């Protein structure tokens, strides 16, 4: 593969360019620099001829670069002639000749008030559509729950036990670790600040109130949503992509009853249990922190 070159010679008011080497995309940077330099060095030339006989490789990039060069000279009122281009490359150059002939449309300036109202309207419409989808899903889950209560033998207990193992049992280690560390941090920071007022003992109340009333359930809910919620989304989304949900409908099963209802029931049962475990771990972490033992 030859090196892309472009030489020039100024004969009076005529600029003669001679191209050689490889006019392909891998030489894009070099070709751009050569053409810019030639254009800048010969501003007084009225006619331009470009000899392409020495070009050994020619692709779409090279054709567009040649077309762009001829357009620049033609727009400046100068005649540009391409010579020596092989027959099999002329079709490619002819295709580039019809590309981007129309000037780019100027961006339409909009009234900011109108744009803001339009964005607000689109946001409201999207919210309404999402609300309708949520209500539809909530209704479908309610109907599935009603069918299960009327015919409990048809409920998929095996799926529920499997989901409980994934959501609750397998989540216990990470919840114990995170809540233990959070309890220790709350206790330590509380003691550091209460010590200024001689009220280190109140850090016990701080940890107990924050963990049992606020932080405990919040942290566990966030971890369950991030761990199990994202897993549910990915799993059901992949099943939708592989058309497994359509296969369930074909076999006469309700996808809501098979896939969604067991997961929701497991979350309802598992979240309070995990919250209790996490709260106890946070209290133990607060009691085990160096600051609390020093206090």
C-alpha atoms as a PDB file:
ATOM      1  CA  UNK A   1       0.000   0.000   0.000  1.00  0.00           C
ATOM      2  CA  UNK A   2       1.591   3.310  -1.156  1.00  0.00           C
ATOM      3  CA  UNK A   3       1.809   6.526   0.728  1.00  0.00           C
ATOM      4  CA  UNK A   4      -0.847   9.128  -0.099  1.00  0.00           C
ATOM      5  CA  UNK A   5       0.772  12.153  -1.806  1.00  0.00           C
ATOM      6  CA  UNK A   6      -0.373  15.337  -3.451  1.00  0.00           C
ATOM      7  CA  UNK A   7       2.089  17.608  -5.253  1.00  0.00           C
ATOM      8  CA  UNK A   8       1.365  20.962  -6.851  1.00  0.00           C
ATOM      9  CA  UNK A   9       2.921  23.231  -9.450  1.00  0.00           C
ATOM     10  CA  UNK A  10       1.799  26.752 -10.307  1.00  0.00           C
ATOM     11  CA  UNK A  11       2.086  27.613 -14.024  1.00  0.00           C
ATOM     12  CA  UNK A  12       1.051  31.247 -14.349  1.00  0.00           C
ATOM     13  CA  UNK A  13      -2.584  31.337 -13.251  1.00  0.00           C
ATOM     14  CA  UNK A  14      -3.043  27.582 -13.544  1.00  0.00           C
ATOM     15  CA  UNK A  15      -2.490  25.244 -10.588  1.00  0.00           C
ATOM     16  CA  UNK A  16      -1.526  21.707 -11.550  1.00  0.00           C
ATOM     17  CA  UNK A  17      -2.027  19.053  -8.881  1.00  0.00           C
ATOM     18  CA  UNK A  18      -0.678  15.503  -9.157  1.00  0.00           C
ATOM     19  CA  UNK A  19      -2.096  12.841  -6.850  1.00  0.00           C
ATOM     20  CA  UNK A  20      -0.430   9.509  -6.140  1.00  0.00           C
ATOM     21  CA  UNK A  21      -0.425   6.712  -3.621  1.00  0.00           C
ATOM     22  CA  UNK A  22      -3.508   5.629  -1.722  1.00  0.00           C
ATOM     23  CA  UNK A  23      -6.557   7.898  -1.452  1.00  0.00           C
ATOM     24  CA  UNK A  24      -8.367   5.828   1.150  1.00  0.00           C
ATOM     25  CA  UNK A  25      -9.850   6.325   4.598  1.00  0.00           C
ATOM     26  CA  UNK A  26      -6.727   5.182   6.537  1.00  0.00           C
ATOM     27  CA  UNK A  27      -4.866   8.178   5.065  1.00  0.00           C
ATOM     28  CA  UNK A  28      -7.604  10.658   5.930  1.00  0.00           C
ATOM     29  CA  UNK A  29      -5.526  12.898   8.186  1.00  0.00           C
ATOM     30  CA  UNK A  30      -2.611  13.126   5.772  1.00  0.00           C
ATOM     31  CA  UNK A  31      -4.836  13.872   2.773  1.00  0.00           C
ATOM     32  CA  UNK A  32      -6.759  16.572   4.622  1.00  0.00           C
ATOM     33  CA  UNK A  33      -3.526  18.309   5.627  1.00  0.00           C
ATOM     34  CA  UNK A  34      -2.078  18.145   2.093  1.00  0.00           C
ATOM     35  CA  UNK A  35      -5.188  19.599   0.486  1.00  0.00           C
ATOM     36  CA  UNK A  36      -5.462  22.399   3.041  1.00  0.00           C
ATOM     37  CA  UNK A  37      -1.813  23.288   2.481  1.00  0.00           C
ATOM     38  CA  UNK A  38      -2.158  23.318  -1.308  1.00  0.00           C
ATOM     39  CA  UNK A  39      -5.301  25.454  -1.139  1.00  0.00           C
ATOM     40  CA  UNK A  40      -3.608  27.946   1.130  1.00  0.00           C
ATOM     41  CA  UNK A  41      -0.394  28.207  -0.918  1.00  0.00           C
ATOM     42  CA  UNK A  42      -2.056  28.913  -4.270  1.00  0.00           C
ATOM     43  CA  UNK A  43      -4.820  31.482  -3.693  1.00  0.00           C
ATOM     44  CA  UNK A  44      -4.090  33.368  -6.966  1.00  0.00           C
ATOM     45  CA  UNK A  45      -4.684  30.427  -9.310  1.00  0.00           C
ATOM     46  CA  UNK A  46      -7.715  30.728 -11.560  1.00  0.00           C
ATOM     47  CA  UNK A  47      -7.712  27.233 -13.079  1.00  0.00           C
ATOM     48  CA  UNK A  48      -6.966  23.930 -11.370  1.00  0.00           C
ATOM     49  CA  UNK A  49      -6.208  20.551 -12.910  1.00  0.00           C
ATOM     50  CA  UNK A  50      -5.942  17.428 -10.786  1.00  0.00           C
ATOM     51  CA  UNK A  51      -4.086  14.471 -12.294  1.00  0.00           C
ATOM     52  CA  UNK A  52      -5.274  11.237 -10.630  1.00  0.00           C
ATOM     53  CA  UNK A  53      -3.285   8.855 -12.860  1.00  0.00           C
ATOM     54  CA  UNK A  54      -0.811   8.007 -10.086  1.00  0.00           C
ATOM     55  CA  UNK A  55      -3.467   6.969  -7.560  1.00  0.00           C
ATOM     56  CA  UNK A  56      -3.303   3.236  -6.924  1.00  0.00           C
ATOM     57  CA  UNK A  57      -6.142   2.915  -4.382  1.00  0.00           C
ATOM     58  CA  UNK A  58      -9.342   4.933  -4.372  1.00  0.00           C
ATOM     59  CA  UNK A  59     -12.345   4.516  -2.067  1.00  0.00           C
ATOM     60  CA  UNK A  60     -15.422   6.469  -1.017  1.00  0.00           C
ATOM     61  CA  UNK A  61     -13.407   8.776   1.206  1.00  0.00           C
ATOM     62  CA  UNK A  62     -11.000   9.623  -1.572  1.00  0.00           C
ATOM     63  CA  UNK A  63     -13.880  10.259  -3.977  1.00  0.00           C
ATOM     64  CA  UNK A  64     -15.593  12.564  -1.510  1.00  0.00           C
ATOM     65  CA  UNK A  65     -12.328  14.406  -0.801  1.00  0.00           C
ATOM     66  CA  UNK A  66     -11.781  14.963  -4.521  1.00  0.00           C
ATOM     67  CA  UNK A  67     -15.374  16.087  -4.977  1.00  0.00           C
ATOM     68  CA  UNK A  68     -15.116  18.480  -2.045  1.00  0.00           C
ATOM     69  CA  UNK A  69     -11.911  19.974  -3.485  1.00  0.00           C
ATOM     70  CA  UNK A  70     -13.511  20.594  -6.884  1.00  0.00           C
ATOM     71  CA  UNK A  71     -16.559  22.131  -5.230  1.00  0.00           C
ATOM     72  CA  UNK A  72     -14.402  24.520  -3.233  1.00  0.00           C
ATOM     73  CA  UNK A  73     -12.607  25.782  -6.347  1.00  0.00           C
ATOM     74  CA  UNK A  74     -15.832  25.971  -8.367  1.00  0.00           C
ATOM     75  CA  UNK A  75     -17.557  27.947  -5.609  1.00  0.00           C
ATOM     76  CA  UNK A  76     -14.678  30.441  -5.715  1.00  0.00           C
ATOM     77  CA  UNK A  77     -15.238  30.984  -9.462  1.00  0.00           C
ATOM     78  CA  UNK A  78     -12.327  28.851 -10.600  1.00  0.00           C
ATOM     79  CA  UNK A  79     -12.414  26.003 -13.072  1.00  0.00           C
ATOM     80  CA  UNK A  80     -11.366  22.595 -11.662  1.00  0.00           C
ATOM     81  CA  UNK A  81     -10.678  19.657 -14.011  1.00  0.00           C
ATOM     82  CA  UNK A  82     -10.008  16.049 -12.956  1.00  0.00           C
ATOM     83  CA  UNK A  83      -7.662  14.158 -15.285  1.00  0.00           C
ATOM     84  CA  UNK A  84      -6.378  10.606 -15.487  1.00  0.00           C
ATOM     85  CA  UNK A  85      -9.010   9.009 -13.255  1.00  0.00           C
ATOM     86  CA  UNK A  86      -9.451   5.316 -14.162  1.00  0.00           C
ATOM     87  CA  UNK A  87     -12.739   4.298 -15.686  1.00  0.00           C
ATOM     88  CA  UNK A  88     -13.712   2.013 -12.791  1.00  0.00           C
ATOM     89  CA  UNK A  89     -13.342   4.889 -10.321  1.00  0.00           C
ATOM     90  CA  UNK A  90     -15.369   7.434 -12.252  1.00  0.00           C
ATOM     91  CA  UNK A  91     -18.670   5.883 -11.160  1.00  0.00           C
ATOM     92  CA  UNK A  92     -17.728   6.367  -7.533  1.00  0.00           C
ATOM     93  CA  UNK A  93     -16.825  10.000  -8.156  1.00  0.00           C
ATOM     94  CA  UNK A  94     -20.091  10.491 -10.042  1.00  0.00           C
ATOM     95  CA  UNK A  95     -22.040   9.212  -7.037  1.00  0.00           C
ATOM     96  CA  UNK A  96     -20.238  11.658  -4.766  1.00  0.00           C
ATOM     97  CA  UNK A  97     -21.072  14.446  -7.208  1.00  0.00           C
ATOM     98  CA  UNK A  98     -24.737  14.298  -6.200  1.00  0.00           C
ATOM     99  CA  UNK A  99     -24.211  14.097  -2.440  1.00  0.00           C
ATOM    100  CA  UNK A 100     -24.983  17.033  -0.118  1.00  0.00           C
ATOM    101  CA  UNK A 101     -25.961  19.388  -2.889  1.00  0.00           C
ATOM    102  CA  UNK A 102     -28.612  21.128  -0.819  1.00  0.00           C
ATOM    103  CA  UNK A 103     -27.295  23.557   1.790  1.00  0.00           C
ATOM    104  CA  UNK A 104     -27.919  22.626   5.378  1.00  0.00           C
ATOM    105  CA  UNK A 105     -31.167  24.086   6.652  1.00  0.00           C
ATOM    106  CA  UNK A 106     -30.736  26.744   9.268  1.00  0.00           C
ATOM    107  CA  UNK A 107     -32.063  25.693  12.659  1.00  0.00           C
ATOM    108  CA  UNK A 108     -35.514  27.056  13.254  1.00  0.00           C
ATOM    109  CA  UNK A 109     -35.632  29.572  16.057  1.00  0.00           C
ATOM    110  CA  UNK A 110     -38.488  28.890  18.390  1.00  0.00           C
ATOM    111  CA  UNK A 111     -40.102  31.003  21.007  1.00  0.00           C
ATOM    112  CA  UNK A 112     -38.726  29.838  24.384  1.00  0.00           C
ATOM    113  CA  UNK A 113     -42.151  30.184  25.966  1.00  0.00           C
ATOM    114  CA  UNK A 114     -43.744  28.026  23.274  1.00  0.00           C
ATOM    115  CA  UNK A 115     -40.911  25.486  23.522  1.00  0.00           C
ATOM    116  CA  UNK A 116     -41.281  25.325  27.292  1.00  0.00           C
ATOM    117  CA  UNK A 117     -45.043  24.820  27.055  1.00  0.00           C
ATOM    118  CA  UNK A 118     -44.542  22.131  24.391  1.00  0.00           C
ATOM    119  CA  UNK A 119     -41.999  20.316  26.567  1.00  0.00           C
ATOM    120  CA  UNK A 120     -44.388  20.575  29.514  1.00  0.00           C
ATOM    121  CA  UNK A 121     -47.205  19.153  27.414  1.00  0.00           C
ATOM    122  CA  UNK A 122     -45.064  16.253  26.188  1.00  0.00           C
ATOM    123  CA  UNK A 123     -43.990  15.522  29.751  1.00  0.00           C
ATOM    124  CA  UNK A 124     -47.600  15.523  30.928  1.00  0.00           C
ATOM    125  CA  UNK A 125     -48.641  13.232  28.079  1.00  0.00           C
ATOM    126  CA  UNK A 126     -45.789  10.815  28.859  1.00  0.00           C
ATOM    127  CA  UNK A 127     -46.744  10.847  32.537  1.00  0.00           C
ATOM    128  CA  UNK A 128     -50.350  10.106  31.632  1.00  0.00           C
ATOM    129  CA  UNK A 129     -49.351   7.182  29.414  1.00  0.00           C
ATOM    130  CA  UNK A 130     -47.090   5.768  32.108  1.00  0.00           C
ATOM    131  CA  UNK A 131     -49.880   6.162  34.658  1.00  0.00           C
ATOM    132  CA  UNK A 132     -52.280   4.262  32.406  1.00  0.00           C
ATOM    133  CA  UNK A 133     -49.724   1.466  31.967  1.00  0.00           C
ATOM    134  CA  UNK A 134     -49.167   1.304  35.728  1.00  0.00           C
ATOM    135  CA  UNK A 135     -52.914   1.199  36.415  1.00  0.00           C
ATOM    136  CA  UNK A 136     -53.324  -1.541  33.801  1.00  0.00           C
ATOM    137  CA  UNK A 137     -50.570  -3.599  35.414  1.00  0.00           C
ATOM    138  CA  UNK A 138     -52.010  -3.022  38.879  1.00  0.00           C
ATOM    139  CA  UNK A 139     -55.412  -4.165  37.688  1.00  0.00           C
ATOM    140  CA  UNK A 140     -53.932  -7.259  36.029  1.00  0.00           C
ATOM    141  CA  UNK A 141     -52.106  -8.173  39.259  1.00  0.00           C
ATOM    142  CA  UNK A 142     -55.324  -7.681  41.254  1.00  0.00           C
ATOM    143  CA  UNK A 143     -57.265  -9.937  38.909  1.00  0.00           C
ATOM    144  CA  UNK A 144     -54.530 -12.579  39.063  1.00  0.00           C
ATOM    145  CA  UNK A 145     -54.589 -12.421  42.866  1.00  0.00           C
ATOM    146  CA  UNK A 146     -58.375 -12.836  42.829  1.00  0.00           C
ATOM    147  CA  UNK A 147     -58.114 -15.934  40.641  1.00  0.00           C
ATOM    148  CA  UNK A 148     -55.508 -17.398  42.979  1.00  0.00           C
ATOM    149  CA  UNK A 149     -57.743 -16.799  46.007  1.00  0.00           C
ATOM    150  CA  UNK A 150     -60.651 -18.491  44.251  1.00  0.00           C
ATOM    151  CA  UNK A 151     -58.509 -21.420  43.043  1.00  0.00           C
ATOM    152  CA  UNK A 152     -55.559 -21.717  45.437  1.00  0.00           C
ATOM    153  CA  UNK A 153     -54.525 -25.115  44.065  1.00  0.00           C
ATOM    154  CA  UNK A 154     -53.484 -23.470  40.808  1.00  0.00           C
ATOM    155  CA  UNK A 155     -51.053 -21.134  42.529  1.00  0.00           C
ATOM    156  CA  UNK A 156     -47.387 -21.751  41.585  1.00  0.00           C
ATOM    157  CA  UNK A 157     -45.910 -22.367  45.035  1.00  0.00           C
ATOM    158  CA  UNK A 158     -42.634 -23.700  43.606  1.00  0.00           C
ATOM    159  CA  UNK A 159     -41.993 -20.428  41.790  1.00  0.00           C
ATOM    160  CA  UNK A 160     -42.725 -18.488  44.982  1.00  0.00           C
ATOM    161  CA  UNK A 161     -40.244 -20.535  47.013  1.00  0.00           C
ATOM    162  CA  UNK A 162     -37.601 -20.077  44.326  1.00  0.00           C
ATOM    163  CA  UNK A 163     -38.124 -16.314  44.235  1.00  0.00           C
ATOM    164  CA  UNK A 164     -38.060 -16.127  48.035  1.00  0.00           C
ATOM    165  CA  UNK A 165     -34.684 -17.848  47.991  1.00  0.00           C
ATOM    166  CA  UNK A 166     -33.351 -15.349  45.439  1.00  0.00           C
ATOM    167  CA  UNK A 167     -34.851 -12.200  46.961  1.00  0.00           C
ATOM    168  CA  UNK A 168     -34.639 -12.897  50.686  1.00  0.00           C
ATOM    169  CA  UNK A 169     -32.189 -15.648  51.558  1.00  0.00           C
ATOM    170  CA  UNK A 170     -29.452 -14.761  49.062  1.00  0.00           C
ATOM    171  CA  UNK A 171     -29.767 -11.057  49.947  1.00  0.00           C
ATOM    172  CA  UNK A 172     -29.107 -11.534  53.668  1.00  0.00           C
ATOM    173  CA  UNK A 173     -25.264 -11.369  53.519  1.00  0.00           C
ATOM    174  CA  UNK A 174     -25.066  -8.084  51.622  1.00  0.00           C
ATOM    175  CA  UNK A 175     -27.802  -6.508  53.731  1.00  0.00           C
ATOM    176  CA  UNK A 176     -26.064  -7.589  56.949  1.00  0.00           C
ATOM    177  CA  UNK A 177     -22.777  -6.109  55.769  1.00  0.00           C
ATOM    178  CA  UNK A 178     -24.143  -2.765  54.555  1.00  0.00           C
ATOM    179  CA  UNK A 179     -26.467  -2.126  57.489  1.00  0.00           C
ATOM    180  CA  UNK A 180     -23.757  -3.148  59.978  1.00  0.00           C
ATOM    181  CA  UNK A 181     -21.379  -0.596  58.476  1.00  0.00           C
ATOM    182  CA  UNK A 182     -24.046   2.105  58.350  1.00  0.00           C
ATOM    183  CA  UNK A 183     -24.921   1.552  62.000  1.00  0.00           C
ATOM    184  CA  UNK A 184     -21.280   1.818  62.995  1.00  0.00           C
ATOM    185  CA  UNK A 185     -20.794   5.008  60.975  1.00  0.00           C
ATOM    186  CA  UNK A 186     -23.889   6.669  62.457  1.00  0.00           C
ATOM    187  CA  UNK A 187     -22.784   5.799  65.980  1.00  0.00           C
ATOM    188  CA  UNK A 188     -19.216   6.989  65.442  1.00  0.00           C
ATOM    189  CA  UNK A 189     -20.195  10.297  63.845  1.00  0.00           C
ATOM    190  CA  UNK A 190     -22.851  10.935  66.476  1.00  0.00           C
ATOM    191  CA  UNK A 191     -20.365  10.422  69.297  1.00  0.00           C
ATOM    192  CA  UNK A 192     -17.809  12.709  67.672  1.00  0.00           C
ATOM    193  CA  UNK A 193     -20.307  15.563  67.488  1.00  0.00           C
ATOM    194  CA  UNK A 194     -22.125  14.937  70.790  1.00  0.00           C
ATOM    195  CA  UNK A 195     -18.802  14.840  72.611  1.00  0.00           C
ATOM    196  CA  UNK A 196     -18.505  18.613  72.161  1.00  0.00           C
ATOM    197  CA  UNK A 197     -21.539  19.020  74.428  1.00  0.00           C
ATOM    198  CA  UNK A 198     -20.788  16.165  76.808  1.00  0.00           C
ATOM    199  CA  UNK A 199     -23.727  14.142  75.483  1.00  0.00           C
ATOM    200  CA  UNK A 200     -22.041  11.039  74.118  1.00  0.00           C
ATOM    201  CA  UNK A 201     -24.712   8.783  75.599  1.00  0.00           C
ATOM    202  CA  UNK A 202     -27.334  10.298  73.326  1.00  0.00           C
ATOM    203  CA  UNK A 203     -25.640   8.595  70.380  1.00  0.00           C
ATOM    204  CA  UNK A 204     -27.471   5.452  71.487  1.00  0.00           C
ATOM    205  CA  UNK A 205     -30.812   7.189  70.958  1.00  0.00           C
ATOM    206  CA  UNK A 206     -29.543   8.559  67.654  1.00  0.00           C
ATOM    207  CA  UNK A 207     -28.702   5.122  66.304  1.00  0.00           C
ATOM    208  CA  UNK A 208     -31.892   3.523  67.623  1.00  0.00           C
ATOM    209  CA  UNK A 209     -34.229   6.209  66.274  1.00  0.00           C
ATOM    210  CA  UNK A 210     -32.545   6.552  62.898  1.00  0.00           C
ATOM    211  CA  UNK A 211     -32.249   2.814  62.315  1.00  0.00           C
ATOM    212  CA  UNK A 212     -35.637   1.705  63.588  1.00  0.00           C
ATOM    213  CA  UNK A 213     -37.681   4.600  62.256  1.00  0.00           C
ATOM    214  CA  UNK A 214     -35.915   5.877  59.152  1.00  0.00           C
ATOM    215  CA  UNK A 215     -32.639   4.473  57.847  1.00  0.00           C
ATOM    216  CA  UNK A 216     -33.264   0.776  58.394  1.00  0.00           C
ATOM    217  CA  UNK A 217     -36.262   0.320  56.118  1.00  0.00           C
ATOM    218  CA  UNK A 218     -34.978   2.920  53.636  1.00  0.00           C
ATOM    219  CA  UNK A 219     -31.569   1.299  53.125  1.00  0.00           C
ATOM    220  CA  UNK A 220     -33.032  -2.195  52.848  1.00  0.00           C
ATOM    221  CA  UNK A 221     -35.690  -1.039  50.378  1.00  0.00           C
ATOM    222  CA  UNK A 222     -33.053   0.652  48.225  1.00  0.00           C
ATOM    223  CA  UNK A 223     -30.853  -2.450  48.232  1.00  0.00           C
ATOM    224  CA  UNK A 224     -33.781  -4.735  47.410  1.00  0.00           C
ATOM    225  CA  UNK A 225     -34.881  -2.422  44.588  1.00  0.00           C
ATOM    226  CA  UNK A 226     -31.359  -2.247  43.178  1.00  0.00           C
ATOM    227  CA  UNK A 227     -30.608  -5.925  43.577  1.00  0.00           C
ATOM    228  CA  UNK A 228     -33.924  -7.695  42.952  1.00  0.00           C
ATOM    229  CA  UNK A 229     -35.777  -5.021  40.984  1.00  0.00           C
ATOM    230  CA  UNK A 230     -33.089  -4.724  38.338  1.00  0.00           C
ATOM    231  CA  UNK A 231     -32.847  -8.508  38.193  1.00  0.00           C
ATOM    232  CA  UNK A 232     -36.608  -8.770  37.615  1.00  0.00           C
ATOM    233  CA  UNK A 233     -36.461  -6.160  34.866  1.00  0.00           C
ATOM    234  CA  UNK A 234     -33.604  -7.861  33.056  1.00  0.00           C
ATOM    235  CA  UNK A 235     -35.124 -11.322  33.407  1.00  0.00           C
ATOM    236  CA  UNK A 236     -38.615 -10.421  32.197  1.00  0.00           C
ATOM    237  CA  UNK A 237     -37.161  -8.218  29.454  1.00  0.00           C
ATOM    238  CA  UNK A 238     -35.029 -11.058  28.132  1.00  0.00           C
ATOM    239  CA  UNK A 239     -38.052 -13.372  28.248  1.00  0.00           C
ATOM    240  CA  UNK A 240     -40.017 -10.825  26.247  1.00  0.00           C
ATOM    241  CA  UNK A 241     -37.202 -10.609  23.703  1.00  0.00           C
ATOM    242  CA  UNK A 242     -37.043 -14.410  23.345  1.00  0.00           C
ATOM    243  CA  UNK A 243     -40.865 -14.521  22.993  1.00  0.00           C
ATOM    244  CA  UNK A 244     -41.206 -16.744  26.055  1.00  0.00           C
ATOM    245  CA  UNK A 245     -44.091 -14.601  27.331  1.00  0.00           C
ATOM    246  CA  UNK A 246     -45.952 -15.164  24.054  1.00  0.00           C
ATOM    247  CA  UNK A 247     -45.270 -18.879  24.451  1.00  0.00           C
ATOM    248  CA  UNK A 248     -46.908 -18.792  27.899  1.00  0.00           C
ATOM    249  CA  UNK A 249     -50.023 -17.199  26.403  1.00  0.00           C
ATOM    250  CA  UNK A 250     -50.034 -19.801  23.640  1.00  0.00           C
ATOM    251  CA  UNK A 251     -49.987 -22.588  26.252  1.00  0.00           C
ATOM    252  CA  UNK A 252     -52.908 -20.996  28.070  1.00  0.00           C
ATOM    253  CA  UNK A 253     -51.017 -19.463  31.022  1.00  0.00           C
ATOM    254  CA  UNK A 254     -51.435 -15.914  32.231  1.00  0.00           C
ATOM    255  CA  UNK A 255     -47.958 -14.251  32.254  1.00  0.00           C
ATOM    256  CA  UNK A 256     -49.003 -11.955  35.103  1.00  0.00           C
ATOM    257  CA  UNK A 257     -50.019 -14.889  37.265  1.00  0.00           C
ATOM    258  CA  UNK A 258     -46.941 -16.934  36.367  1.00  0.00           C
ATOM    259  CA  UNK A 259     -44.219 -14.276  36.376  1.00  0.00           C
ATOM    260  CA  UNK A 260     -45.324 -11.155  38.228  1.00  0.00           C
ATOM    261  CA  UNK A 261     -47.644 -12.235  41.028  1.00  0.00           C
ATOM    262  CA  UNK A 262     -45.152 -14.606  42.751  1.00  0.00           C
ATOM    263  CA  UNK A 263     -42.465 -11.921  42.681  1.00  0.00           C
ATOM    264  CA  UNK A 264     -44.745  -9.267  44.148  1.00  0.00           C
ATOM    265  CA  UNK A 265     -45.940 -11.559  46.932  1.00  0.00           C
ATOM    266  CA  UNK A 266     -42.361 -12.521  47.733  1.00  0.00           C
ATOM    267  CA  UNK A 267     -41.341  -8.866  47.946  1.00  0.00           C
ATOM    268  CA  UNK A 268     -44.266  -8.124  50.277  1.00  0.00           C
ATOM    269  CA  UNK A 269     -43.205 -10.913  52.604  1.00  0.00           C
ATOM    270  CA  UNK A 270     -39.431 -10.581  52.278  1.00  0.00           C
ATOM    271  CA  UNK A 271     -39.050  -6.828  52.720  1.00  0.00           C
ATOM    272  CA  UNK A 272     -40.249  -6.701  56.361  1.00  0.00           C
ATOM    273  CA  UNK A 273     -38.089  -9.706  57.222  1.00  0.00           C
ATOM    274  CA  UNK A 274     -35.014  -8.166  55.602  1.00  0.00           C
ATOM    275  CA  UNK A 275     -35.763  -4.837  57.273  1.00  0.00           C
ATOM    276  CA  UNK A 276     -35.780  -6.503  60.695  1.00  0.00           C
ATOM    277  CA  UNK A 277     -32.510  -8.313  59.952  1.00  0.00           C
ATOM    278  CA  UNK A 278     -30.909  -5.150  58.639  1.00  0.00           C
ATOM    279  CA  UNK A 279     -32.071  -3.085  61.618  1.00  0.00           C
ATOM    280  CA  UNK A 280     -30.626  -5.580  64.063  1.00  0.00           C
ATOM    281  CA  UNK A 281     -27.349  -5.607  62.162  1.00  0.00           C
ATOM    282  CA  UNK A 282     -27.245  -1.800  62.174  1.00  0.00           C
ATOM    283  CA  UNK A 283     -27.868  -1.691  65.933  1.00  0.00           C
ATOM    284  CA  UNK A 284     -25.118  -4.228  66.482  1.00  0.00           C
ATOM    285  CA  UNK A 285     -22.823  -2.216  64.240  1.00  0.00           C
ATOM    286  CA  UNK A 286     -23.561   0.920  66.238  1.00  0.00           C
ATOM    287  CA  UNK A 287     -22.882  -0.856  69.496  1.00  0.00           C
ATOM    288  CA  UNK A 288     -19.639  -2.362  68.145  1.00  0.00           C
ATOM    289  CA  UNK A 289     -18.123   0.855  66.768  1.00  0.00           C
ATOM    290  CA  UNK A 290     -14.936   2.089  68.530  1.00  0.00           C
ATOM    291  CA  UNK A 291     -16.585   5.367  69.456  1.00  0.00           C
ATOM    292  CA  UNK A 292     -19.497   3.750  71.236  1.00  0.00           C
ATOM    293  CA  UNK A 293     -17.274   1.373  73.174  1.00  0.00           C
ATOM    294  CA  UNK A 294     -15.106   4.335  74.225  1.00  0.00           C
ATOM    295  CA  UNK A 295     -18.189   6.234  75.312  1.00  0.00           C
END
